[in-house]
C-alpha atoms as a PDB file:
ATOM      1  CA  MET A   1     105.985 131.168  95.039  1.00  0.00           C
ATOM      2  CA  PRO A   2     102.976 132.907  96.652  1.00  0.00           C
ATOM      3  CA  GLU A   3     101.717 131.416  99.781  1.00  0.00           C
ATOM      4  CA  ILE A   4      98.198 131.114  99.937  1.00  0.00           C
ATOM      5  CA  SER A   5      97.524 129.414 103.417  1.00  0.00           C
ATOM      6  CA  ARG A   6      99.324 128.789 106.625  1.00  0.00           C
ATOM      7  CA  PHE A   7      98.204 126.829 109.446  1.00  0.00           C
ATOM      8  CA  PHE A   8      99.909 124.645 112.439  1.00  0.00           C
ATOM      9  CA  GLY A   9     103.322 125.409 110.655  1.00  0.00           C
ATOM     10  CA  ILE A  10     102.154 124.036 107.422  1.00  0.00           C
ATOM     11  CA  VAL A  11     102.602 126.425 104.450  1.00  0.00           C
ATOM     12  CA  VAL A  12     100.722 126.188 101.328  1.00  0.00           C
ATOM     13  CA  GLN A  13     101.998 127.702  98.047  1.00  0.00           C
ATOM     14  CA  MET A  14     101.318 127.637  94.226  1.00  0.00           C
ATOM     15  CA  TYR A  15     103.948 128.538  91.463  1.00  0.00           C
ATOM     16  CA  TYR A  16     102.664 130.897  88.912  1.00  0.00           C
ATOM     17  CA  ALA A  17     102.369 129.325  85.193  1.00  0.00           C
ATOM     18  CA  ASP A  18     102.907 125.718  86.738  1.00  0.00           C
ATOM     19  CA  HIS A  19     102.300 122.614  85.008  1.00  0.00           C
ATOM     20  CA  ASP A  20      99.247 120.488  84.933  1.00  0.00           C
ATOM     21  CA  PRO A  21      97.609 118.626  86.767  1.00  0.00           C
ATOM     22  CA  PRO A  22      96.256 121.369  89.183  1.00  0.00           C
ATOM     23  CA  HIS A  23      98.121 121.109  92.419  1.00  0.00           C
ATOM     24  CA  PHE A  24      99.359 123.169  95.411  1.00  0.00           C
ATOM     25  CA  HIS A  25     102.736 122.890  97.329  1.00  0.00           C
ATOM     26  CA  VAL A  26     102.956 122.054 100.948  1.00  0.00           C
ATOM     27  CA  ARG A  27     105.887 122.409 103.314  1.00  0.00           C
ATOM     28  CA  TYR A  28     106.166 121.505 106.795  1.00  0.00           C
ATOM     29  CA  ALA A  29     109.023 120.864 109.140  1.00  0.00           C
ATOM     30  CA  GLY A  30     111.522 120.184 106.243  1.00  0.00           C
ATOM     31  CA  GLN A  31     108.891 118.167 104.454  1.00  0.00           C
ATOM     32  CA  LYS A  32     107.629 118.873 100.790  1.00  0.00           C
ATOM     33  CA  ALA A  33     104.802 117.535  98.923  1.00  0.00           C
ATOM     34  CA  LEU A  34     102.846 118.475  95.722  1.00  0.00           C
ATOM     35  CA  ILE A  35      99.057 117.684  96.184  1.00  0.00           C
ATOM     36  CA  SER A  36      96.528 117.086  93.756  1.00  0.00           C
ATOM     37  CA  ILE A  37      93.414 119.399  93.930  1.00  0.00           C
ATOM     38  CA  GLU A  38      91.144 117.262  91.905  1.00  0.00           C
ATOM     39  CA  ASN A  39      91.599 113.802  94.303  1.00  0.00           C
ATOM     40  CA  LEU A  40      93.992 115.225  97.056  1.00  0.00           C
ATOM     41  CA  ALA A  41      96.659 112.585  96.294  1.00  0.00           C
ATOM     42  CA  VAL A  42     100.224 113.119  96.648  1.00  0.00           C
ATOM     43  CA  LEU A  43     101.752 113.601  93.276  1.00  0.00           C
ATOM     44  CA  ARG A  44     105.603 113.988  94.477  1.00  0.00           C
ATOM     45  CA  GLY A  45     107.077 114.224  97.797  1.00  0.00           C
ATOM     46  CA  ALA A  46     105.928 113.122 101.237  1.00  0.00           C
ATOM     47  CA  LEU A  47     104.533 114.493 104.469  1.00  0.00           C
ATOM     48  CA  SER A  48     104.184 112.754 107.717  1.00  0.00           C
ATOM     49  CA  SER A  49     100.522 110.898 108.427  1.00  0.00           C
ATOM     50  CA  ARG A  50      99.562 113.775 110.770  1.00  0.00           C
ATOM     51  CA  ALA A  51     100.643 116.639 108.351  1.00  0.00           C
ATOM     52  CA  LEU A  52      98.913 114.858 105.186  1.00  0.00           C
ATOM     53  CA  GLY A  53      95.755 114.531 107.240  1.00  0.00           C
ATOM     54  CA  LEU A  54      95.755 118.058 108.253  1.00  0.00           C
ATOM     55  CA  VAL A  55      96.515 119.265 104.587  1.00  0.00           C
ATOM     56  CA  THR A  56      93.745 116.663 103.155  1.00  0.00           C
ATOM     57  CA  GLU A  57      91.125 118.130 105.693  1.00  0.00           C
ATOM     58  CA  TRP A  58      92.056 121.358 104.929  1.00  0.00           C
ATOM     59  CA  ALA A  59      91.992 121.202 101.075  1.00  0.00           C
ATOM     60  CA  ALA A  60      88.735 119.260 100.872  1.00  0.00           C
ATOM     61  CA  LEU A  61      86.922 122.254 102.662  1.00  0.00           C
ATOM     62  CA  HIS A  62      88.749 124.716 100.068  1.00  0.00           C
ATOM     63  CA  ARG A  63      88.804 122.875  96.924  1.00  0.00           C
ATOM     64  CA  GLU A  64      86.853 125.428  94.969  1.00  0.00           C
ATOM     65  CA  GLU A  65      89.289 128.108  96.281  1.00  0.00           C
ATOM     66  CA  LEU A  66      92.315 126.288  95.385  1.00  0.00           C
ATOM     67  CA  MET A  67      91.293 125.656  91.658  1.00  0.00           C
ATOM     68  CA  GLN A  68      90.249 129.417  91.566  1.00  0.00           C
ATOM     69  CA  ASP A  69      93.876 129.988  92.571  1.00  0.00           C
ATOM     70  CA  TRP A  70      95.214 127.664  90.250  1.00  0.00           C
ATOM     71  CA  ILE A  71      93.442 129.546  87.401  1.00  0.00           C
ATOM     72  CA  LEU A  72      94.822 132.931  88.726  1.00  0.00           C
ATOM     73  CA  ALA A  73      98.087 131.242  89.004  1.00  0.00           C
ATOM     74  CA  ARG A  74      98.130 129.922  85.300  1.00  0.00           C
ATOM     75  CA  ALA A  75      97.205 133.525  84.322  1.00  0.00           C
ATOM     76  CA  GLU A  76     100.027 134.902  86.678  1.00  0.00           C
ATOM     77  CA  ALA A  77      97.539 136.986  88.333  1.00  0.00           C
ATOM     78  CA  GLN A  78      97.436 137.648  92.159  1.00  0.00           C
ATOM     79  CA  LEU A  79      96.193 134.874  94.128  1.00  0.00           C
ATOM     80  CA  ASN A  80      93.665 134.935  96.980  1.00  0.00           C
ATOM     81  CA  PRO A  81      94.643 133.947 100.365  1.00  0.00           C
ATOM     82  CA  ILE A  82      92.525 130.941 101.867  1.00  0.00           C
ATOM     83  CA  ALA A  83      91.732 130.533 105.311  1.00  0.00           C
ATOM     84  CA  PRO A  84      93.665 128.174 107.495  1.00  0.00           C
ATOM     85  CA  LEU A  85      92.420 125.320 109.262  1.00  0.00           C
ATOM     86  CA  GLU A  86      91.325 125.906 112.750  1.00  0.00           C
END
């Protein structure tokens, strides 16, 4: 699963040819979650409130880039890295 960003110990990834709805995977300190790109809701799993806040802030800034990577992942093409939250 390609890593598209990493910040504050949070790892953001996408699977190739993954199922709808468009989403990304997050790992942080043993926690895992799938986050919707469209509305930034947690689809599965859970993150601490602090980690979820950071992920939501980052994703809101990069929603268009996340959708572009989603399209690339569905086509099994190379994904583009996305700048971390600073």
